[in-house]
Protein backbone atom coordinates (compact mmCIF):
# COMPACT_ATOMS: atom_id res chain seq x y z
CA MET A 1 11.96 83.41 -20.21
CA ARG A 2 13.90 82.36 -23.05
CA ASN A 3 16.64 83.17 -20.70
CA LEU A 4 15.56 80.95 -18.04
CA ILE A 5 14.78 78.74 -19.81
CA HIS A 6 18.34 78.37 -21.96
CA VAL A 7 19.83 78.68 -17.93
CA LEU A 8 17.92 75.58 -16.68
CA PHE A 9 18.44 73.55 -20.10
CA PHE A 10 22.22 74.08 -19.90
CA ALA A 11 21.65 73.15 -15.38
CA LEU A 12 20.13 70.06 -16.88
CA VAL A 13 22.20 69.29 -19.00
CA VAL A 14 25.08 69.60 -16.58
CA SER A 15 22.89 66.75 -14.18
CA PHE A 16 22.74 64.63 -16.96
CA SER A 17 26.45 64.55 -17.89
CA PHE A 18 27.74 63.92 -14.58
CA SER A 19 25.15 61.47 -13.94
CA CYS A 20 26.24 59.63 -16.89
CA LYS A 21 29.95 59.81 -16.12
CA GLU A 22 31.53 56.10 -15.20
CA GLU A 23 32.38 55.41 -11.45
CA PRO A 24 35.28 54.93 -10.42
CA ARG A 25 36.81 51.69 -10.61
CA THR A 26 37.56 49.65 -7.64
CA PRO A 27 40.66 47.51 -8.42
CA PRO A 28 39.69 44.32 -8.06
CA ASN A 29 41.17 42.24 -5.04
CA ILE A 30 43.09 39.04 -5.26
CA LEU A 31 43.02 35.40 -4.05
CA PHE A 32 45.73 33.54 -4.88
CA ILE A 33 46.30 30.34 -4.23
CA ALA A 34 48.67 27.73 -4.62
CA VAL A 35 49.05 24.23 -4.10
CA ASP A 36 52.49 22.30 -3.69
CA ASP A 37 52.71 19.12 -6.18
CA LEU A 38 49.31 19.46 -7.50
CA ARG A 39 48.83 17.57 -11.26
CA PRO A 40 45.23 17.58 -12.77
CA GLU A 41 44.05 15.05 -11.10
CA LEU A 42 40.94 16.93 -10.51
CA GLY A 43 37.33 15.53 -11.65
CA CYS A 44 37.48 19.34 -13.77
CA TYR A 45 39.64 17.58 -15.07
CA GLY A 46 38.22 14.32 -16.47
CA LYS A 47 39.72 12.95 -13.39
CA SER A 48 35.76 11.09 -12.26
CA TYR A 49 37.08 9.09 -9.91
CA VAL A 50 38.65 12.04 -7.77
CA HIS A 51 36.65 13.70 -4.93
CA SER A 52 36.51 17.43 -6.02
CA PRO A 53 33.06 18.80 -5.65
CA ASN A 54 34.93 22.69 -4.82
CA LEU A 55 37.65 23.00 -6.81
CA ASP A 56 35.15 21.05 -9.85
CA GLN A 57 32.36 24.15 -8.92
CA LEU A 58 35.34 27.01 -9.60
CA ALA A 59 36.79 25.65 -12.90
CA ALA A 60 33.14 25.71 -13.57
CA GLU A 61 33.29 29.87 -13.00
CA SER A 62 36.46 30.15 -14.54
CA SER A 63 38.64 30.07 -17.30
CA LEU A 64 39.86 26.55 -16.88
CA PHE A 65 43.28 25.58 -18.89
CA GLU A 66 43.33 22.70 -19.74
CA ASN A 67 46.89 23.18 -21.00
CA HIS A 68 49.10 24.77 -18.37
CA TYR A 69 52.83 23.61 -18.39
CA VAL A 70 55.25 24.65 -15.56
CA THR A 71 58.54 26.08 -16.77
CA VAL A 72 59.98 24.00 -13.45
CA PRO A 73 59.07 20.38 -12.52
CA THR A 74 60.70 21.56 -9.13
CA CYS A 75 59.28 22.98 -6.52
CA GLY A 76 61.12 26.59 -6.00
CA ALA A 77 61.92 27.28 -8.87
CA SER A 78 58.83 26.90 -10.42
CA ARG A 79 57.60 29.41 -7.88
CA TYR A 80 60.95 31.55 -8.94
CA ASN A 81 59.76 31.98 -12.59
CA LEU A 82 55.97 32.14 -10.96
CA ILE A 83 56.55 35.10 -9.41
CA THR A 84 59.42 36.95 -11.82
CA GLY A 85 57.73 35.60 -14.76
CA GLN A 86 61.21 34.82 -16.25
CA LEU A 87 62.68 31.57 -17.88
CA PRO A 88 65.39 30.18 -16.33
CA LYS A 89 68.79 31.79 -17.60
CA ASN A 90 71.38 29.72 -15.24
CA PRO A 91 71.20 26.45 -13.65
CA GLY A 92 70.55 27.58 -10.10
CA ASP A 93 67.45 29.66 -11.83
CA LEU A 94 66.71 25.62 -11.42
CA SER A 95 66.65 25.13 -7.91
CA ASN A 96 64.67 24.93 -4.85
CA GLN A 97 67.19 27.98 -3.88
CA ALA A 98 66.40 30.17 -6.74
CA SER A 99 64.56 33.10 -4.49
CA VAL A 100 67.37 32.81 -1.70
CA SER A 101 70.32 33.11 -3.95
CA ASN A 102 68.20 35.60 -6.35
CA ILE A 103 66.03 37.45 -3.74
CA ALA A 104 66.24 37.34 -0.47
CA ASN A 105 70.78 36.97 -0.94
CA LYS A 106 70.84 40.08 -3.28
CA PRO A 107 70.81 43.91 -2.74
CA ALA A 108 67.44 45.42 -3.29
CA GLY A 109 68.55 46.67 -7.10
CA GLU A 110 70.13 43.52 -8.09
CA ARG A 111 66.92 41.71 -7.23
CA PRO A 112 64.18 40.92 -9.95
CA THR A 113 60.75 42.51 -9.47
CA THR A 114 58.03 40.00 -7.93
CA PHE A 115 54.67 40.55 -9.17
CA MET A 116 53.90 40.63 -5.49
CA GLN A 117 55.68 43.53 -5.15
CA GLU A 118 54.72 45.39 -8.08
CA LEU A 119 51.00 45.18 -6.58
CA LYS A 120 52.44 46.51 -3.18
CA GLN A 121 54.13 49.16 -4.96
CA ASN A 122 50.68 50.57 -7.03
CA GLY A 123 48.73 50.70 -4.10
CA TYR A 124 47.85 46.75 -2.92
CA TYR A 125 47.87 45.30 0.27
CA THR A 126 49.82 41.70 -0.22
CA VAL A 127 49.87 38.97 2.89
CA GLY A 128 51.27 35.84 1.80
CA ILE A 129 50.24 32.84 4.20
CA GLY A 130 51.94 29.54 4.14
CA LYS A 131 54.21 28.33 0.92
CA ILE A 132 54.08 31.00 -1.68
CA SER A 133 58.09 30.64 -2.42
CA HIS A 134 59.93 27.75 -1.31
CA HIS A 135 60.25 27.87 2.30
CA PRO A 136 56.79 27.33 3.84
CA ASP A 137 56.02 30.00 5.77
CA GLY A 138 58.45 32.44 3.60
CA TYR A 139 61.39 32.57 5.59
CA VAL A 140 64.79 31.45 5.16
CA TYR A 141 65.83 28.76 7.61
CA GLY A 142 67.28 25.26 7.02
CA TYR A 143 65.09 22.22 7.95
CA HIS A 144 66.89 21.33 11.47
CA GLU A 145 66.80 25.21 12.40
CA PRO A 146 64.30 28.03 14.42
CA LYS A 147 62.56 30.59 12.21
CA SER A 148 65.03 32.89 11.07
CA ASP A 149 63.87 36.65 10.46
CA LYS A 150 64.84 36.46 6.84
CA ILE A 151 62.32 37.28 4.55
CA GLU A 152 62.65 35.14 0.99
CA LEU A 153 60.78 37.72 -0.76
CA PRO A 154 61.80 41.13 0.81
CA GLY A 155 59.69 43.75 -0.76
CA SER A 156 57.06 41.56 -1.47
CA TRP A 157 54.51 41.36 1.18
CA ASP A 158 52.82 43.51 3.68
CA GLU A 159 52.40 40.73 6.10
CA MET A 160 53.93 36.90 5.65
CA LEU A 161 51.96 34.65 7.75
CA LEU A 162 52.40 30.75 9.05
CA LYS A 163 50.40 29.27 11.52
CA ALA A 164 52.56 26.44 12.47
CA GLY A 165 50.84 24.98 15.55
CA LYS A 166 51.92 21.78 17.21
CA TRP A 167 54.69 21.43 15.10
CA GLY A 168 56.70 24.23 15.76
CA THR A 169 57.89 25.77 12.74
CA GLY A 170 57.22 25.59 9.44
CA HIS A 171 59.93 23.04 7.76
CA ASN A 172 58.48 20.59 10.67
CA ALA A 173 54.63 21.51 9.68
CA PHE A 174 55.47 20.94 6.00
CA PHE A 175 56.81 17.62 6.97
CA GLY A 176 54.42 17.07 9.85
CA TYR A 177 52.54 14.08 11.05
CA ALA A 178 49.21 14.40 13.26
CA ASP A 179 50.73 13.84 15.95
CA GLY A 180 53.13 16.80 15.94
CA THR A 181 55.98 14.63 14.75
CA ASN A 182 57.53 15.93 10.86
CA ARG A 183 60.08 13.34 8.90
CA ASN A 184 62.42 15.78 9.61
CA GLY A 185 62.80 14.91 13.76
CA MET A 186 62.26 11.29 13.11
CA ALA A 187 64.80 11.42 10.97
CA LYS A 188 62.60 9.93 8.03
CA GLU A 189 61.70 6.73 10.11
CA VAL A 190 58.69 7.46 8.79
CA LYS A 191 56.28 6.09 6.38
CA PRO A 192 55.10 8.04 3.56
CA TYR A 193 51.27 8.12 3.95
CA GLU A 194 48.92 8.65 6.92
CA ALA A 195 45.42 8.39 7.08
CA GLY A 196 45.11 10.79 10.70
CA GLU A 197 41.79 9.98 13.13
CA VAL A 198 41.59 13.90 12.99
CA GLY A 199 39.60 16.84 12.00
CA ASP A 200 40.52 18.79 9.21
CA ASP A 201 42.99 20.96 11.38
CA GLY A 202 44.74 18.19 12.85
CA TYR A 203 47.32 18.51 9.93
CA PRO A 204 48.86 22.45 8.97
CA ASP A 205 46.53 22.50 5.13
CA GLY A 206 43.82 22.88 7.92
CA LEU A 207 45.07 25.83 10.42
CA THR A 208 46.77 27.89 6.98
CA ALA A 209 42.35 27.83 5.87
CA GLU A 210 41.16 28.73 9.22
CA LEU A 211 44.41 31.40 9.20
CA ALA A 212 43.17 33.03 5.26
CA ILE A 213 39.65 32.87 6.75
CA GLU A 214 40.27 35.07 9.73
CA LYS A 215 42.71 37.80 7.66
CA LEU A 216 39.91 37.83 4.59
CA LYS A 217 37.95 38.58 7.22
CA SER A 218 40.58 41.75 8.43
CA LEU A 219 41.23 42.64 4.25
CA LYS A 220 37.68 43.48 4.54
CA GLN A 221 38.11 46.30 6.78
CA GLN A 222 41.38 48.01 4.68
CA ASP A 223 40.53 50.83 2.46
CA LYS A 224 43.10 49.24 -0.15
CA PRO A 225 42.62 46.41 -2.38
CA PHE A 226 44.41 42.89 -1.10
CA PHE A 227 46.59 40.48 -2.69
CA LEU A 228 46.09 37.18 -0.77
CA GLY A 229 48.23 34.88 -1.71
CA VAL A 230 47.86 30.57 0.06
CA GLY A 231 49.80 28.24 -0.05
CA PHE A 232 48.86 24.66 0.67
CA PHE A 233 51.23 22.36 1.63
CA LYS A 234 49.42 18.75 0.38
CA PRO A 235 49.37 16.62 -1.24
CA HIS A 236 52.98 16.78 -1.41
CA LEU A 237 54.68 14.16 0.23
CA PRO A 238 54.11 12.82 3.30
CA PHE A 239 50.82 12.19 1.45
CA THR A 240 49.08 13.20 4.52
CA ALA A 241 45.35 13.44 5.73
CA PRO A 242 42.59 12.99 8.06
CA LYS A 243 41.31 9.51 7.48
CA GLY A 244 37.62 10.91 5.93
CA TYR A 245 39.51 11.87 3.19
CA TRP A 246 40.82 8.25 2.48
CA ASP A 247 37.44 7.14 3.10
CA LEU A 248 36.28 8.69 0.29
CA TYR A 249 37.52 6.15 -2.08
CA ASP A 250 37.89 2.45 -2.33
CA GLU A 251 41.60 1.56 -2.74
CA GLU A 252 40.73 -1.86 -5.06
CA ASN A 253 38.99 0.82 -7.22
CA ILE A 254 41.63 3.24 -8.10
CA PRO A 255 43.01 3.52 -11.32
CA LEU A 256 46.62 2.58 -11.99
CA ALA A 257 49.17 4.78 -13.74
CA PRO A 258 48.03 3.96 -17.72
CA PHE A 259 52.28 4.01 -18.79
CA ALA A 260 54.55 2.38 -16.03
CA GLU A 261 57.27 1.98 -18.24
CA ILE A 262 60.73 3.41 -19.20
CA PRO A 263 59.41 4.43 -22.80
CA GLU A 264 60.26 3.19 -25.93
CA ASN A 265 63.59 4.57 -27.30
CA SER A 266 64.18 6.77 -24.14
CA SER A 267 66.52 6.88 -21.50
CA LYS A 268 66.77 6.28 -17.79
CA ALA A 269 68.65 9.56 -17.44
CA SER A 270 65.70 10.91 -18.79
CA LEU A 271 63.95 9.97 -15.61
CA GLN A 272 64.61 9.46 -12.06
CA ASN A 273 64.87 6.82 -9.48
CA SER A 274 62.09 8.03 -7.32
CA GLY A 275 64.69 9.12 -4.50
CA GLU A 276 61.98 11.95 -2.65
CA LEU A 277 59.62 8.83 -1.91
CA ASN A 278 61.90 6.49 -0.72
CA GLN A 279 63.88 9.01 1.83
CA TYR A 280 60.21 7.75 3.85
CA LYS A 281 62.43 4.63 5.35
CA LEU A 282 58.87 3.19 6.81
CA GLY A 283 57.68 2.74 3.51
CA GLU A 284 56.82 -1.07 2.54
CA GLU A 285 58.56 -0.94 -1.08
CA LYS A 286 61.57 1.49 -2.86
CA PRO A 287 60.24 1.49 -6.29
CA HIS A 288 62.92 3.36 -8.75
CA LEU A 289 63.19 2.32 -13.08
CA ASP A 290 64.91 -1.15 -12.28
CA ARG A 291 61.70 -1.96 -10.07
CA VAL A 292 58.37 -1.59 -10.49
CA ALA A 293 56.06 -0.65 -7.28
CA SER A 294 53.14 -3.91 -6.85
CA ASP A 295 49.48 -2.94 -7.83
CA ALA A 296 48.40 -2.68 -4.15
CA TYR A 297 51.47 -0.68 -3.17
CA ALA A 298 50.50 1.67 -6.29
CA ARG A 299 47.04 2.23 -4.99
CA LYS A 300 48.03 2.35 -1.48
CA LEU A 301 50.28 5.88 -2.20
CA ARG A 302 48.03 6.97 -5.16
CA HIS A 303 45.37 6.34 -2.44
CA GLY A 304 47.35 8.74 -0.05
CA TYR A 305 47.83 11.31 -3.41
CA LEU A 306 43.44 11.68 -4.13
CA ALA A 307 42.78 12.00 0.18
CA ALA A 308 45.16 14.57 0.38
CA VAL A 309 44.07 16.37 -3.07
CA SER A 310 40.79 16.18 -1.80
CA TYR A 311 42.00 17.03 2.15
CA ILE A 312 42.96 20.77 -0.08
CA ASP A 313 39.83 20.85 -1.76
CA ALA A 314 37.23 21.17 1.47
CA GLN A 315 40.07 23.91 2.70
CA ILE A 316 39.71 25.38 -0.77
CA GLY A 317 36.00 25.07 -0.43
CA LYS A 318 35.78 27.16 2.83
CA LEU A 319 38.03 30.09 1.09
CA LEU A 320 35.75 30.16 -1.11
CA ASP A 321 32.50 30.16 1.30
CA GLU A 322 34.03 32.62 2.84
CA LEU A 323 34.95 35.00 0.49
CA GLU A 324 31.40 35.08 -0.12
CA GLU A 325 30.31 34.90 3.44
CA GLN A 326 32.36 38.77 3.68
CA GLU A 327 30.84 39.74 -0.09
CA LEU A 328 34.18 39.75 -1.45
CA ALA A 329 33.99 37.59 -4.30
CA GLU A 330 31.66 40.15 -6.71
CA ASN A 331 35.57 42.26 -6.59
CA THR A 332 37.99 39.64 -6.28
CA ILE A 333 39.74 37.64 -8.90
CA VAL A 334 40.02 33.57 -7.56
CA VAL A 335 43.51 31.57 -9.24
CA VAL A 336 44.27 28.64 -8.49
CA TRP A 337 47.56 27.01 -9.34
CA GLY A 338 49.50 23.65 -9.16
CA ASP A 339 53.27 24.94 -8.67
CA HIS A 340 54.05 21.35 -10.90
CA GLY A 341 52.60 17.85 -11.27
CA TRP A 342 53.19 14.17 -10.64
CA HIS A 343 54.41 11.37 -11.91
CA LEU A 344 52.36 8.44 -10.29
CA GLY A 345 54.09 5.12 -11.10
CA ASP A 346 53.95 6.92 -14.84
CA GLN A 347 56.72 5.85 -16.84
CA LYS A 348 57.86 4.15 -13.87
CA THR A 349 58.50 7.27 -12.11
CA TRP A 350 56.97 8.70 -8.49
CA GLY A 351 57.85 12.04 -7.73
CA LYS A 352 58.31 15.37 -10.45
CA HIS A 353 62.25 16.23 -11.80
CA THR A 354 61.48 15.23 -15.06
CA VAL A 355 60.35 17.43 -18.01
CA PHE A 356 57.99 14.50 -19.10
CA ASP A 357 54.33 15.91 -18.87
CA ASN A 358 53.62 13.98 -15.63
CA ALA A 359 55.92 16.59 -13.78
CA LEU A 360 55.22 19.63 -15.86
CA HIS A 361 51.53 19.67 -16.52
CA SER A 362 49.28 21.27 -13.58
CA VAL A 363 46.35 23.02 -12.25
CA LEU A 364 45.66 26.52 -13.52
CA MET A 365 42.24 28.19 -13.25
CA ILE A 366 41.14 31.95 -13.00
CA LYS A 367 38.27 33.44 -11.79
CA ARG A 368 37.21 36.81 -12.89
CA PRO A 369 33.86 38.35 -11.14
CA GLY A 370 31.14 38.86 -13.35
CA GLU A 371 32.61 36.61 -16.08
CA SER A 372 31.12 33.24 -17.05
CA GLY A 373 33.08 29.60 -16.77
CA GLN A 374 34.87 28.42 -20.08
CA ARG A 375 37.77 25.76 -21.47
CA ILE A 376 41.02 26.63 -22.67
CA SER A 377 42.63 23.98 -24.69
CA GLN A 378 45.04 26.32 -26.03
CA VAL A 379 48.47 25.77 -24.25
CA VAL A 380 49.60 28.31 -21.84
CA SER A 381 53.56 28.29 -19.50
CA THR A 382 53.27 29.39 -15.29
CA THR A 383 55.50 32.38 -17.39
CA ASP A 384 52.03 34.06 -18.61
CA ILE A 385 50.78 34.48 -15.08
CA TYR A 386 52.76 37.56 -14.15
CA PRO A 387 51.43 39.87 -16.87
CA THR A 388 48.37 38.28 -16.98
CA ILE A 389 47.92 39.68 -13.30
CA MET A 390 49.15 42.58 -14.37
CA GLU A 391 46.43 43.33 -16.89
CA LEU A 392 43.99 42.67 -15.14
CA THR A 393 44.73 44.83 -11.90
CA ASN A 394 45.44 46.97 -14.69
CA VAL A 395 49.20 47.92 -13.32
CA PRO A 396 51.54 48.81 -15.14
CA SER A 397 54.75 46.73 -14.78
CA GLN A 398 57.92 47.50 -15.50
CA ALA A 399 59.83 44.21 -14.99
CA THR A 400 61.07 42.38 -17.73
CA LEU A 401 59.23 39.74 -18.36
CA ASP A 402 59.05 36.51 -20.63
CA GLY A 403 55.80 35.30 -21.09
CA GLU A 404 52.40 36.90 -22.44
CA SER A 405 49.51 38.25 -21.07
CA MET A 406 46.45 35.14 -21.24
CA VAL A 407 44.04 37.78 -20.64
CA SER A 408 43.29 38.62 -25.06
CA LEU A 409 42.79 34.84 -24.50
CA MET A 410 40.20 34.65 -21.86
CA GLU A 411 38.23 37.02 -23.96
CA ASN A 412 38.51 34.92 -26.75
CA PRO A 413 39.96 31.13 -25.80
CA ALA A 414 39.70 30.64 -29.70
CA ALA A 415 42.09 33.38 -30.81
CA LYS A 416 44.33 31.91 -33.65
CA HIS A 417 47.38 34.73 -32.61
CA TRP A 418 48.21 32.32 -29.27
CA ARG A 419 51.82 31.50 -28.96
CA ASN A 420 50.53 27.79 -28.01
CA THR A 421 53.63 26.79 -26.72
CA ALA A 422 55.73 26.29 -23.40
CA TYR A 423 59.14 25.33 -22.53
CA SER A 424 60.61 23.90 -19.42
CA TYR A 425 63.65 22.88 -18.21
CA PHE A 426 65.08 20.62 -15.89
CA ARG A 427 67.19 16.85 -15.77
CA ARG A 428 69.99 19.02 -17.99
CA GLY A 429 67.24 19.32 -21.14
CA ILE A 430 64.97 22.28 -22.91
CA SER A 431 61.47 21.02 -23.70
CA LEU A 432 59.12 22.69 -26.24
CA ARG A 433 55.40 21.34 -25.85
CA THR A 434 53.41 21.94 -28.42
CA PRO A 435 49.11 20.74 -28.86
CA GLN A 436 50.66 17.75 -30.55
CA TYR A 437 54.24 17.75 -29.76
CA ARG A 438 56.65 17.84 -26.85
CA LEU A 439 60.00 18.22 -27.88
CA THR A 440 63.30 17.56 -25.73
CA LYS A 441 66.84 18.26 -26.33
CA TYR A 442 68.96 16.82 -23.86
CA PHE A 443 72.41 18.38 -23.50
CA ARG A 444 74.10 15.41 -21.70
CA ASP A 445 76.03 12.18 -22.95
CA GLN A 446 73.72 9.16 -22.35
CA PRO A 447 71.62 8.95 -25.67
CA PRO A 448 69.85 9.80 -26.73
CA ALA A 449 69.82 13.75 -26.94
CA MET A 450 66.64 14.56 -28.39
CA GLU A 451 62.97 13.21 -27.81
CA LEU A 452 59.68 13.65 -29.34
CA TYR A 453 55.80 12.56 -28.42
CA ASN A 454 53.15 12.56 -30.43
CA HIS A 455 50.72 13.94 -27.96
CA GLN A 456 48.15 13.11 -30.58
CA ASN A 457 48.46 9.07 -31.05
CA ASP A 458 50.93 8.31 -27.85
CA PRO A 459 48.85 10.91 -25.10
CA TYR A 460 50.62 8.96 -22.46
CA GLU A 461 54.30 9.30 -24.45
CA SER A 462 55.21 6.53 -24.40
CA LYS A 463 57.44 6.18 -27.37
CA ASN A 464 59.88 8.63 -28.74
CA VAL A 465 59.73 8.98 -32.44
CA ALA A 466 62.26 11.26 -32.45
CA ASN A 467 64.00 9.16 -35.20
CA GLU A 468 61.17 8.01 -37.35
CA LYS A 469 59.91 11.31 -37.77
CA PRO A 470 63.11 13.85 -38.44
CA LYS A 471 60.89 16.44 -40.34
CA VAL A 472 58.75 16.72 -37.48
CA VAL A 473 61.85 18.37 -35.29
CA LYS A 474 62.81 19.85 -38.66
CA GLN A 475 59.79 22.14 -38.04
CA LEU A 476 59.63 22.35 -34.45
CA MET A 477 63.37 23.22 -33.32
CA PRO A 478 63.17 26.76 -34.60
CA ILE A 479 60.48 27.80 -32.45
CA TRP A 480 62.53 25.20 -29.94
CA LYS A 481 66.07 27.61 -30.25
CA LYS A 482 63.04 30.12 -29.17
CA GLY A 483 63.45 29.05 -25.84
CA ASN A 484 66.96 28.25 -25.51
CA THR A 485 67.98 30.66 -23.06
CA GLY A 486 71.62 29.44 -22.65
CA ILE A 487 70.85 27.86 -19.67
CA PHE A 488 73.31 24.50 -20.80
CA LYS A 489 76.16 24.48 -23.05
CA GLU A 490 76.89 21.75 -25.50
């Protein structure tokens, strides 16, 4: 009897121990949404006049990074920094062709490893739709050329897709108008905005949302975790969106740039002449550093930008709804990232391509399944996204990375160990952002060589105080030097 009791007790212990073992965790899926030229012009960033309900809801459920800064304020180079996790080391890393030069045109052993490639090598099924690197459909060819079969990021994708619709190619779709024409084919004889009498699928981003929704349905059937990257074109120029999104705004009530002058003690060389905007030949005005836009035209352009933002917000909402519909949301990390900011008349500038906050401050939110939303005020960089994705997916990275995982910051937004800085590079300048200051050193002939903006009392960067605050400059320079990769020579 005693032996029988021992046997039964042993069986019970074994059974209990097996029942207590954790089930193997299914690796999380990732839905990564890249939005072109999206500065933090959303309700969740305090812009109450912007209609962005879907992104605002996602932000409430995410770690919302209030002070995220990109490394390079131009599309291709910012995306190259994102996918490689490396600070720019040579001037070519600041080009829109950075991925072409350093990845597509290099043999496999000489390319930097993208985070999508690391995920793919560790069991993820990777799909890109739209603009993830620089070329709108992920293939390398010129604006006026037919689509090639040369992929921009070899080794990164199981599938790279775009539904170009009536526009025919990715480049044409990127600059497309509602009638199927595009900026390239029209020799730039077009306006920089359009309110089309069409539905959401009357512009390319509506087709991208449709394609991504269909892909989610098929990815659910996969026996692998997936990475789905979706790149939306708007609010990049031209500011085109269905008229219904324009109608969300009363143009007369759209606020103008809070500071529309060249900063005091700064230089025109620190800014740019709005060439990207002014190449649209039918624009009613051609604002530049010597001629500010009229209030009416500035509101028209800002109206177009906001309409495009609201249009993309709606497409993202459809995608998030489908994630719920397919019962994938419970095991999918959602990231929304803006590839850089955009001056909307700020500092007399329309466009990116500066190392002022308006061109560098962009959207970043990361939703983790089962975690509640929070706002993170510490300074972070796009360079930090690669290691963060690696930690969130528990994929060991073999790449050389310059950023830090933000997971510990997401676990404790008040963490004192966090670096709290971001470096940016452009216009022969290296810029350091801290919670209070932006310090930029320029490697150029035009003075000033040093610019310092105090965001505590000058949030719009209206006055360079480098000469007034030499002690602050001296204190910040050792931190600035950590970001000096030798990209510019004295």
